[in-house]
Every structure is written in C-alpha cells, then in structure tokens.
C-alpha cells in the first residue's frame, strides 16, 4: 500500500478522531455525574476505555483527577508528528 495513501486517507483521520475522542473524555471527566454507559457519552467512552485502563494501572488518578486521557492525547500527538508531520517518516517515504 502506498505510504501517502495510508497517511492521507486512513492514519491521519484515525489519529485525529482518536485525539478528539480523548479530548471528549477529558471534558467528560469534569462531569462525574455523566453516565458513560448511555448515549451520547458512550460514543466517546467505548472506543477509548481499552486504551485508558492500562494507563490508569500505571498512573493512578492524582488528587482524584484521572490524567490518563491527557497522557493519550500526548502519545497520539507524538505518533502523529513522528509519522505524519512535516519531517515525519511516512512523509519522507512518499
């Protein structure tokens, strides 16, 4: 598969969507009364929870604040820059 096609049509939008979902999780953490098992909150909780569980085991909540979605926004931003940034690996291959 062409690296440019992979980055432009799949990987870029996927990483952007995951960043958006983790930002939604950050905002939802401000509202503890929000039921993550009901729509529309389920749309952000379902795809992100498998990523958050292992990070919560490594980095427990600090002062009652769950920072695992913030960590994932940083990880995804780093991956996006390394692969798709101006000097990213997939850009150099294309």
PDB file of N, CA and C in Angstrom:
ATOM      1  N   UNK A   1       0.844  -1.180   0.000  1.00  0.00           N
ATOM      2  CA  UNK A   1       0.000   0.000   0.000  1.00  0.00           C
ATOM      3  C   UNK A   1       0.890   1.244   0.000  1.00  0.00           C
ATOM      4  N   UNK A   2       0.520   2.213  -0.753  1.00  0.00           N
ATOM      5  CA  UNK A   2       1.268   3.452  -0.857  1.00  0.00           C
ATOM      6  C   UNK A   2       1.252   4.202   0.479  1.00  0.00           C
ATOM      7  N   UNK A   3       2.420   4.652   0.912  1.00  0.00           N
ATOM      8  CA  UNK A   3       2.529   5.336   2.205  1.00  0.00           C
ATOM      9  C   UNK A   3       1.731   6.632   2.219  1.00  0.00           C
ATOM     10  N   UNK A   4       1.702   7.333   1.104  1.00  0.00           N
ATOM     11  CA  UNK A   4       0.948   8.582   1.037  1.00  0.00           C
ATOM     12  C   UNK A   4      -0.548   8.328   1.167  1.00  0.00           C
ATOM     13  N   UNK A   5      -1.031   7.289   0.503  1.00  0.00           N
ATOM     14  CA  UNK A   5      -2.442   6.927   0.590  1.00  0.00           C
ATOM     15  C   UNK A   5      -2.804   6.509   2.010  1.00  0.00           C
ATOM     16  N   UNK A   6      -1.933   5.728   2.624  1.00  0.00           N
ATOM     17  CA  UNK A   6      -2.170   5.291   4.006  1.00  0.00           C
ATOM     18  C   UNK A   6      -2.247   6.479   4.944  1.00  0.00           C
ATOM     19  N   UNK A   7      -1.320   7.420   4.820  1.00  0.00           N
ATOM     20  CA  UNK A   7      -1.293   8.545   5.747  1.00  0.00           C
ATOM     21  C   UNK A   7      -2.426   9.532   5.481  1.00  0.00           C
ATOM     22  N   UNK A   8      -2.733   9.791   4.222  1.00  0.00           N
ATOM     23  CA  UNK A   8      -3.740  10.801   3.898  1.00  0.00           C
ATOM     24  C   UNK A   8      -5.167  10.335   4.137  1.00  0.00           C
ATOM     25  N   UNK A   9      -5.467   9.092   3.859  1.00  0.00           N
ATOM     26  CA  UNK A   9      -6.854   8.637   3.882  1.00  0.00           C
ATOM     27  C   UNK A   9      -7.203   7.761   5.060  1.00  0.00           C
ATOM     28  N   UNK A  10      -6.215   7.278   5.800  1.00  0.00           N
ATOM     29  CA  UNK A  10      -6.536   6.388   6.915  1.00  0.00           C
ATOM     30  C   UNK A  10      -5.908   6.849   8.222  1.00  0.00           C
ATOM     31  N   UNK A  11      -4.615   6.912   8.255  1.00  0.00           N
ATOM     32  CA  UNK A  11      -3.910   7.165   9.512  1.00  0.00           C
ATOM     33  C   UNK A  11      -4.145   8.570  10.054  1.00  0.00           C
ATOM     34  N   UNK A  12      -4.095   9.579   9.200  1.00  0.00           N
ATOM     35  CA  UNK A  12      -4.333  10.957   9.640  1.00  0.00           C
ATOM     36  C   UNK A  12      -5.708  11.150  10.255  1.00  0.00           C
ATOM     37  N   UNK A  13      -6.786  10.765   9.536  1.00  0.00           N
ATOM     38  CA  UNK A  13      -8.120  10.898  10.125  1.00  0.00           C
ATOM     39  C   UNK A  13      -8.326  10.031  11.365  1.00  0.00           C
ATOM     40  N   UNK A  14      -7.732   8.833  11.388  1.00  0.00           N
ATOM     41  CA  UNK A  14      -7.872   7.961  12.556  1.00  0.00           C
ATOM     42  C   UNK A  14      -7.232   8.596  13.792  1.00  0.00           C
ATOM     43  N   UNK A  15      -6.028   9.112  13.642  1.00  0.00           N
ATOM     44  CA  UNK A  15      -5.357   9.756  14.774  1.00  0.00           C
ATOM     45  C   UNK A  15      -6.090  11.030  15.191  1.00  0.00           C
ATOM     46  N   UNK A  16      -6.630  11.765  14.233  1.00  0.00           N
ATOM     47  CA  UNK A  16      -7.420  12.953  14.556  1.00  0.00           C
ATOM     48  C   UNK A  16      -8.687  12.594  15.326  1.00  0.00           C
ATOM     49  N   UNK A  17      -9.372  11.539  14.894  1.00  0.00           N
ATOM     50  CA  UNK A  17     -10.581  11.089  15.582  1.00  0.00           C
ATOM     51  C   UNK A  17     -10.269  10.616  16.999  1.00  0.00           C
ATOM     52  N   UNK A  18      -9.191   9.873  17.162  1.00  0.00           N
ATOM     53  CA  UNK A  18      -8.833   9.401  18.498  1.00  0.00           C
ATOM     54  C   UNK A  18      -8.476  10.573  19.412  1.00  0.00           C
ATOM     55  N   UNK A  19      -7.781  11.567  18.890  1.00  0.00           N
ATOM     56  CA  UNK A  19      -7.478  12.761  19.687  1.00  0.00           C
ATOM     57  C   UNK A  19      -8.763  13.448  20.126  1.00  0.00           C
ATOM     58  N   UNK A  20      -9.698  13.591  19.209  1.00  0.00           N
ATOM     59  CA  UNK A  20     -10.982  14.213  19.534  1.00  0.00           C
ATOM     60  C   UNK A  20     -11.731  13.420  20.605  1.00  0.00           C
ATOM     61  N   UNK A  21     -11.724  12.101  20.495  1.00  0.00           N
ATOM     62  CA  UNK A  21     -12.414  11.270  21.487  1.00  0.00           C
ATOM     63  C   UNK A  21     -11.759  11.383  22.864  1.00  0.00           C
ATOM     64  N   UNK A  22     -10.432  11.421  22.909  1.00  0.00           N
ATOM     65  CA  UNK A  22      -9.762  11.579  24.198  1.00  0.00           C
ATOM     66  C   UNK A  22     -10.004  12.969  24.784  1.00  0.00           C
ATOM     67  N   UNK A  23     -10.101  13.984  23.955  1.00  0.00           N
ATOM     68  CA  UNK A  23     -10.445  15.323  24.452  1.00  0.00           C
ATOM     69  C   UNK A  23     -11.861  15.314  25.017  1.00  0.00           C
ATOM     70  N   UNK A  24     -12.765  14.595  24.351  1.00  0.00           N
ATOM     71  CA  UNK A  24     -14.134  14.442  24.894  1.00  0.00           C
ATOM     72  C   UNK A  24     -14.090  13.766  26.255  1.00  0.00           C
ATOM     73  N   UNK A  25     -13.228  12.750  26.410  1.00  0.00           N
ATOM     74  CA  UNK A  25     -13.099  12.084  27.708  1.00  0.00           C
ATOM     75  C   UNK A  25     -12.563  13.030  28.770  1.00  0.00           C
ATOM     76  N   UNK A  26     -11.652  13.915  28.393  1.00  0.00           N
ATOM     77  CA  UNK A  26     -11.144  14.905  29.346  1.00  0.00           C
ATOM     78  C   UNK A  26     -12.289  15.798  29.808  1.00  0.00           C
ATOM     79  N   UNK A  27     -13.085  16.282  28.876  1.00  0.00           N
ATOM     80  CA  UNK A  27     -14.222  17.147  29.228  1.00  0.00           C
ATOM     81  C   UNK A  27     -15.229  16.368  30.062  1.00  0.00           C
ATOM     82  N   UNK A  28     -15.500  15.121  29.706  1.00  0.00           N
ATOM     83  CA  UNK A  28     -16.455  14.311  30.474  1.00  0.00           C
ATOM     84  C   UNK A  28     -15.971  14.051  31.896  1.00  0.00           C
ATOM     85  N   UNK A  29     -14.668  14.050  32.104  1.00  0.00           N
ATOM     86  CA  UNK A  29     -14.155  13.830  33.464  1.00  0.00           C
ATOM     87  C   UNK A  29     -14.497  15.003  34.385  1.00  0.00           C
ATOM     88  N   UNK A  30     -14.836  16.150  33.817  1.00  0.00           N
ATOM     89  CA  UNK A  30     -15.250  17.303  34.617  1.00  0.00           C
ATOM     90  C   UNK A  30     -16.672  17.127  35.147  1.00  0.00           C
ATOM     91  N   UNK A  31     -17.411  16.197  34.574  1.00  0.00           N
ATOM     92  CA  UNK A  31     -18.809  15.962  34.954  1.00  0.00           C
ATOM     93  C   UNK A  31     -18.966  14.521  35.423  1.00  0.00           C
ATOM     94  N   UNK A  32     -18.634  14.254  36.687  1.00  0.00           N
ATOM     95  CA  UNK A  32     -18.683  12.863  37.168  1.00  0.00           C
ATOM     96  C   UNK A  32     -20.090  12.266  37.162  1.00  0.00           C
ATOM     97  N   UNK A  33     -21.125  13.098  37.106  1.00  0.00           N
ATOM     98  CA  UNK A  33     -22.485  12.581  37.090  1.00  0.00           C
ATOM     99  C   UNK A  33     -22.874  12.041  35.714  1.00  0.00           C
ATOM    100  N   UNK A  34     -22.065  12.291  34.686  1.00  0.00           N
ATOM    101  CA  UNK A  34     -22.366  11.804  33.330  1.00  0.00           C
ATOM    102  C   UNK A  34     -22.238  10.288  33.308  1.00  0.00           C
ATOM    103  N   UNK A  35     -23.277   9.618  32.843  1.00  0.00           N
ATOM    104  CA  UNK A  35     -23.296   8.162  32.747  1.00  0.00           C
ATOM    105  C   UNK A  35     -22.650   7.759  31.426  1.00  0.00           C
ATOM    106  N   UNK A  36     -21.449   7.183  31.493  1.00  0.00           N
ATOM    107  CA  UNK A  36     -20.711   6.820  30.295  1.00  0.00           C
ATOM    108  C   UNK A  36     -21.293   5.604  29.590  1.00  0.00           C
ATOM    109  N   UNK A  37     -22.282   4.956  30.176  1.00  0.00           N
ATOM    110  CA  UNK A  37     -22.910   3.788  29.567  1.00  0.00           C
ATOM    111  C   UNK A  37     -24.147   4.157  28.754  1.00  0.00           C
ATOM    112  N   UNK A  38     -24.439   5.448  28.619  1.00  0.00           N
ATOM    113  CA  UNK A  38     -25.605   5.895  27.862  1.00  0.00           C
ATOM    114  C   UNK A  38     -25.162   6.838  26.746  1.00  0.00           C
ATOM    115  N   UNK A  39     -25.959   6.856  25.690  1.00  0.00           N
ATOM    116  CA  UNK A  39     -25.690   7.784  24.584  1.00  0.00           C
ATOM    117  C   UNK A  39     -25.889   9.217  25.053  1.00  0.00           C
ATOM    118  N   UNK A  40     -25.201  10.160  24.611  1.00  0.00           N
ATOM    119  CA  UNK A  40     -24.140  10.180  23.612  1.00  0.00           C
ATOM    120  C   UNK A  40     -22.750   9.928  24.206  1.00  0.00           C
ATOM    121  N   UNK A  41     -22.669   9.832  25.528  1.00  0.00           N
ATOM    122  CA  UNK A  41     -21.368   9.673  26.187  1.00  0.00           C
ATOM    123  C   UNK A  41     -20.705   8.347  25.835  1.00  0.00           C
ATOM    124  N   UNK A  42     -21.509   7.339  25.547  1.00  0.00           N
ATOM    125  CA  UNK A  42     -20.998   6.017  25.178  1.00  0.00           C
ATOM    126  C   UNK A  42     -20.146   6.096  23.912  1.00  0.00           C
ATOM    127  N   UNK A  43     -20.452   7.018  23.024  1.00  0.00           N
ATOM    128  CA  UNK A  43     -19.697   7.152  21.777  1.00  0.00           C
ATOM    129  C   UNK A  43     -18.247   7.560  22.016  1.00  0.00           C
ATOM    130  N   UNK A  44     -17.987   8.259  23.106  1.00  0.00           N
ATOM    131  CA  UNK A  44     -16.610   8.622  23.458  1.00  0.00           C
ATOM    132  C   UNK A  44     -15.989   7.598  24.393  1.00  0.00           C
ATOM    133  N   UNK A  45     -16.796   6.975  25.240  1.00  0.00           N
ATOM    134  CA  UNK A  45     -16.262   6.042  26.242  1.00  0.00           C
ATOM    135  C   UNK A  45     -15.884   4.696  25.640  1.00  0.00           C
ATOM    136  N   UNK A  46     -16.714   4.162  24.766  1.00  0.00           N
ATOM    137  CA  UNK A  46     -16.494   2.805  24.253  1.00  0.00           C
ATOM    138  C   UNK A  46     -15.164   2.653  23.518  1.00  0.00           C
ATOM    139  N   UNK A  47     -14.805   3.528  22.560  1.00  0.00           N
ATOM    140  CA  UNK A  47     -13.531   3.311  21.857  1.00  0.00           C
ATOM    141  C   UNK A  47     -12.291   3.698  22.660  1.00  0.00           C
ATOM    142  N   UNK A  48     -12.434   4.513  23.687  1.00  0.00           N
ATOM    143  CA  UNK A  48     -11.251   4.978  24.417  1.00  0.00           C
ATOM    144  C   UNK A  48     -10.938   4.167  25.668  1.00  0.00           C
ATOM    145  N   UNK A  49     -11.926   3.554  26.255  1.00  0.00           N
ATOM    146  CA  UNK A  49     -11.727   2.845  27.527  1.00  0.00           C
ATOM    147  C   UNK A  49     -10.650   1.757  27.456  1.00  0.00           C
ATOM    148  N   UNK A  50     -10.560   0.951  26.372  1.00  0.00           N
ATOM    149  CA  UNK A  50      -9.486  -0.052  26.330  1.00  0.00           C
ATOM    150  C   UNK A  50      -8.084   0.549  26.384  1.00  0.00           C
ATOM    151  N   UNK A  51      -7.916   1.774  25.932  1.00  0.00           N
ATOM    152  CA  UNK A  51      -6.619   2.442  25.996  1.00  0.00           C
ATOM    153  C   UNK A  51      -6.367   3.025  27.384  1.00  0.00           C
ATOM    154  N   UNK A  52      -7.429   3.460  28.051  1.00  0.00           N
ATOM    155  CA  UNK A  52      -7.276   4.143  29.333  1.00  0.00           C
ATOM    156  C   UNK A  52      -7.015   3.177  30.489  1.00  0.00           C
ATOM    157  N   UNK A  53      -7.567   1.976  30.434  1.00  0.00           N
ATOM    158  CA  UNK A  53      -7.441   1.028  31.549  1.00  0.00           C
ATOM    159  C   UNK A  53      -5.983   0.725  31.893  1.00  0.00           C
ATOM    160  N   UNK A  54      -5.123   0.347  30.918  1.00  0.00           N
ATOM    161  CA  UNK A  54      -3.726   0.054  31.299  1.00  0.00           C
ATOM    162  C   UNK A  54      -2.974   1.282  31.812  1.00  0.00           C
ATOM    163  N   UNK A  55      -3.288   2.463  31.281  1.00  0.00           N
ATOM    164  CA  UNK A  55      -2.592   3.672  31.739  1.00  0.00           C
ATOM    165  C   UNK A  55      -3.009   4.001  33.164  1.00  0.00           C
ATOM    166  N   UNK A  56      -4.273   3.764  33.497  1.00  0.00           N
ATOM    167  CA  UNK A  56      -4.725   4.011  34.879  1.00  0.00           C
ATOM    168  C   UNK A  56      -4.019   3.104  35.874  1.00  0.00           C
ATOM    169  N   UNK A  57      -3.645   1.899  35.434  1.00  0.00           N
ATOM    170  CA  UNK A  57      -2.905   0.993  36.322  1.00  0.00           C
ATOM    171  C   UNK A  57      -1.492   1.497  36.570  1.00  0.00           C
ATOM    172  N   UNK A  58      -0.895   2.132  35.552  1.00  0.00           N
ATOM    173  CA  UNK A  58       0.461   2.661  35.699  1.00  0.00           C
ATOM    174  C   UNK A  58       0.478   4.020  36.385  1.00  0.00           C
ATOM    175  N   UNK A  59      -0.494   4.867  36.045  1.00  0.00           N
ATOM    176  CA  UNK A  59      -0.561   6.217  36.601  1.00  0.00           C
ATOM    177  C   UNK A  59      -1.939   6.385  37.246  1.00  0.00           C
ATOM    178  N   UNK A  60      -2.016   6.162  38.555  1.00  0.00           N
ATOM    179  CA  UNK A  60      -3.322   6.309  39.212  1.00  0.00           C
ATOM    180  C   UNK A  60      -3.770   7.770  39.218  1.00  0.00           C
ATOM    181  N   UNK A  61      -5.060   8.003  39.431  1.00  0.00           N
ATOM    182  CA  UNK A  61      -5.547   9.388  39.495  1.00  0.00           C
ATOM    183  C   UNK A  61      -4.774  10.210  40.523  1.00  0.00           C
ATOM    184  N   UNK A  62      -4.459  11.423  40.157  1.00  0.00           N
ATOM    185  CA  UNK A  62      -3.704  12.326  41.028  1.00  0.00           C
ATOM    186  C   UNK A  62      -4.690  13.313  41.635  1.00  0.00           C
ATOM    187  N   UNK A  63      -4.847  13.267  42.930  1.00  0.00           N
ATOM    188  CA  UNK A  63      -5.786  14.153  43.614  1.00  0.00           C
ATOM    189  C   UNK A  63      -7.218  13.939  43.159  1.00  0.00           C
ATOM    190  N   UNK A  64      -7.548  12.709  42.780  1.00  0.00           N
ATOM    191  CA  UNK A  64      -8.887  12.396  42.310  1.00  0.00           C
ATOM    192  C   UNK A  64      -9.128  12.741  40.852  1.00  0.00           C
ATOM    193  N   UNK A  65      -8.093  13.221  40.159  1.00  0.00           N
ATOM    194  CA  UNK A  65      -8.223  13.598  38.748  1.00  0.00           C
ATOM    195  C   UNK A  65      -7.554  12.530  37.884  1.00  0.00           C
ATOM    196  N   UNK A  66      -8.318  11.961  36.964  1.00  0.00           N
ATOM    197  CA  UNK A  66      -7.803  10.950  36.046  1.00  0.00           C
ATOM    198  C   UNK A  66      -7.062  11.646  34.911  1.00  0.00           C
ATOM    199  N   UNK A  67      -5.743  11.443  34.853  1.00  0.00           N
ATOM    200  CA  UNK A  67      -4.954  12.102  33.822  1.00  0.00           C
ATOM    201  C   UNK A  67      -4.652  11.181  32.643  1.00  0.00           C
ATOM    202  N   UNK A  68      -5.189   9.962  32.646  1.00  0.00           N
ATOM    203  CA  UNK A  68      -4.899   9.033  31.557  1.00  0.00           C
ATOM    204  C   UNK A  68      -5.346   9.544  30.187  1.00  0.00           C
ATOM    205  N   UNK A  69      -6.504  10.236  30.031  1.00  0.00           N
ATOM    206  CA  UNK A  69      -6.809  10.765  28.692  1.00  0.00           C
ATOM    207  C   UNK A  69      -5.820  11.836  28.242  1.00  0.00           C
ATOM    208  N   UNK A  70      -5.287  12.608  29.186  1.00  0.00           N
ATOM    209  CA  UNK A  70      -4.296  13.634  28.839  1.00  0.00           C
ATOM    210  C   UNK A  70      -3.022  12.974  28.337  1.00  0.00           C
ATOM    211  N   UNK A  71      -2.641  11.874  28.985  1.00  0.00           N
ATOM    212  CA  UNK A  71      -1.449  11.124  28.553  1.00  0.00           C
ATOM    213  C   UNK A  71      -1.648  10.611  27.136  1.00  0.00           C
ATOM    214  N   UNK A  72      -2.847  10.087  26.837  1.00  0.00           N
ATOM    215  CA  UNK A  72      -3.105   9.558  25.496  1.00  0.00           C
ATOM    216  C   UNK A  72      -3.142  10.649  24.437  1.00  0.00           C
ATOM    217  N   UNK A  73      -3.627  11.823  24.763  1.00  0.00           N
ATOM    218  CA  UNK A  73      -3.582  12.931  23.793  1.00  0.00           C
ATOM    219  C   UNK A  73      -2.121  13.236  23.459  1.00  0.00           C
ATOM    220  N   UNK A  74      -1.260  13.219  24.465  1.00  0.00           N
ATOM    221  CA  UNK A  74       0.174  13.444  24.223  1.00  0.00           C
ATOM    222  C   UNK A  74       0.800  12.346  23.392  1.00  0.00           C
ATOM    223  N   UNK A  75       0.461  11.085  23.676  1.00  0.00           N
ATOM    224  CA  UNK A  75       1.009   9.958  22.917  1.00  0.00           C
ATOM    225  C   UNK A  75       0.569  10.028  21.455  1.00  0.00           C
ATOM    226  N   UNK A  76      -0.715  10.278  21.229  1.00  0.00           N
ATOM    227  CA  UNK A  76      -1.222  10.345  19.859  1.00  0.00           C
ATOM    228  C   UNK A  76      -0.614  11.524  19.114  1.00  0.00           C
ATOM    229  N   UNK A  77      -0.453  12.650  19.782  1.00  0.00           N
ATOM    230  CA  UNK A  77       0.173  13.811  19.144  1.00  0.00           C
ATOM    231  C   UNK A  77       1.613  13.501  18.736  1.00  0.00           C
ATOM    232  N   UNK A  78       2.330  12.793  19.598  1.00  0.00           N
ATOM    233  CA  UNK A  78       3.706  12.406  19.288  1.00  0.00           C
ATOM    234  C   UNK A  78       3.739  11.455  18.101  1.00  0.00           C
ATOM    235  N   UNK A  79       2.875  10.443  18.098  1.00  0.00           N
ATOM    236  CA  UNK A  79       2.823   9.486  16.984  1.00  0.00           C
ATOM    237  C   UNK A  79       2.475  10.203  15.688  1.00  0.00           C
ATOM    238  N   UNK A  80       1.498  11.085  15.763  1.00  0.00           N
ATOM    239  CA  UNK A  80       1.086  11.822  14.561  1.00  0.00           C
ATOM    240  C   UNK A  80       2.239  12.655  14.011  1.00  0.00           C
ATOM    241  N   UNK A  81       2.968  13.318  14.878  1.00  0.00           N
ATOM    242  CA  UNK A  81       4.091  14.141  14.432  1.00  0.00           C
ATOM    243  C   UNK A  81       5.217  13.277  13.865  1.00  0.00           C
ATOM    244  N   UNK A  82       5.526  12.156  14.526  1.00  0.00           N
ATOM    245  CA  UNK A  82       6.607  11.286  14.052  1.00  0.00           C
ATOM    246  C   UNK A  82       6.295  10.654  12.707  1.00  0.00           C
ATOM    247  N   UNK A  83       5.023  10.332  12.468  1.00  0.00           N
ATOM    248  CA  UNK A  83       4.653   9.656  11.228  1.00  0.00           C
ATOM    249  C   UNK A  83       4.191  10.604  10.130  1.00  0.00           C
ATOM    250  N   UNK A  84       3.402  11.604  10.509  1.00  0.00           N
ATOM    251  CA  UNK A  84       2.733  12.428   9.507  1.00  0.00           C
ATOM    252  C   UNK A  84       3.175  13.880   9.482  1.00  0.00           C
ATOM    253  N   UNK A  85       4.031  14.271  10.412  1.00  0.00           N
ATOM    254  CA  UNK A  85       4.471  15.664  10.487  1.00  0.00           C
ATOM    255  C   UNK A  85       5.294  16.066   9.275  1.00  0.00           C
ATOM    256  N   UNK A  86       5.728  17.298   9.235  1.00  0.00           N
ATOM    257  CA  UNK A  86       6.475  17.819   8.100  1.00  0.00           C
ATOM    258  C   UNK A  86       7.722  16.990   7.820  1.00  0.00           C
ATOM    259  N   UNK A  87       8.366  16.509   8.866  1.00  0.00           N
ATOM    260  CA  UNK A  87       9.543  15.647   8.724  1.00  0.00           C
ATOM    261  C   UNK A  87       9.224  14.216   9.138  1.00  0.00           C
ATOM    262  N   UNK A  88       7.958  13.822   9.086  1.00  0.00           N
ATOM    263  CA  UNK A  88       7.520  12.505   9.539  1.00  0.00           C
ATOM    264  C   UNK A  88       7.996  11.377   8.644  1.00  0.00           C
ATOM    265  N   UNK A  89       8.041  10.201   9.211  1.00  0.00           N
ATOM    266  CA  UNK A  89       8.546   9.041   8.485  1.00  0.00           C
ATOM    267  C   UNK A  89       7.733   8.722   7.234  1.00  0.00           C
ATOM    268  N   UNK A  90       6.413   8.767   7.333  1.00  0.00           N
ATOM    269  CA  UNK A  90       5.582   8.469   6.172  1.00  0.00           C
ATOM    270  C   UNK A  90       5.653   9.566   5.122  1.00  0.00           C
ATOM    271  N   UNK A  91       5.867  10.795   5.526  1.00  0.00           N
ATOM    272  CA  UNK A  91       6.040  11.889   4.562  1.00  0.00           C
ATOM    273  C   UNK A  91       7.356  11.709   3.795  1.00  0.00           C
ATOM    274  N   UNK A  92       8.398  11.266   4.501  1.00  0.00           N
ATOM    275  CA  UNK A  92       9.683  11.068   3.848  1.00  0.00           C
ATOM    276  C   UNK A  92       9.642   9.883   2.889  1.00  0.00           C
ATOM    277  N   UNK A  93       8.856   8.864   3.207  1.00  0.00           N
ATOM    278  CA  UNK A  93       8.741   7.717   2.307  1.00  0.00           C
ATOM    279  C   UNK A  93       7.975   8.076   1.043  1.00  0.00           C
ATOM    280  N   UNK A  94       7.050   9.017   1.169  1.00  0.00           N
ATOM    281  CA  UNK A  94       6.239   9.408  -0.005  1.00  0.00           C
ATOM    282  C   UNK A  94       7.055  10.348  -0.832  1.00  0.00           C
TER     283      UNK A  94
END
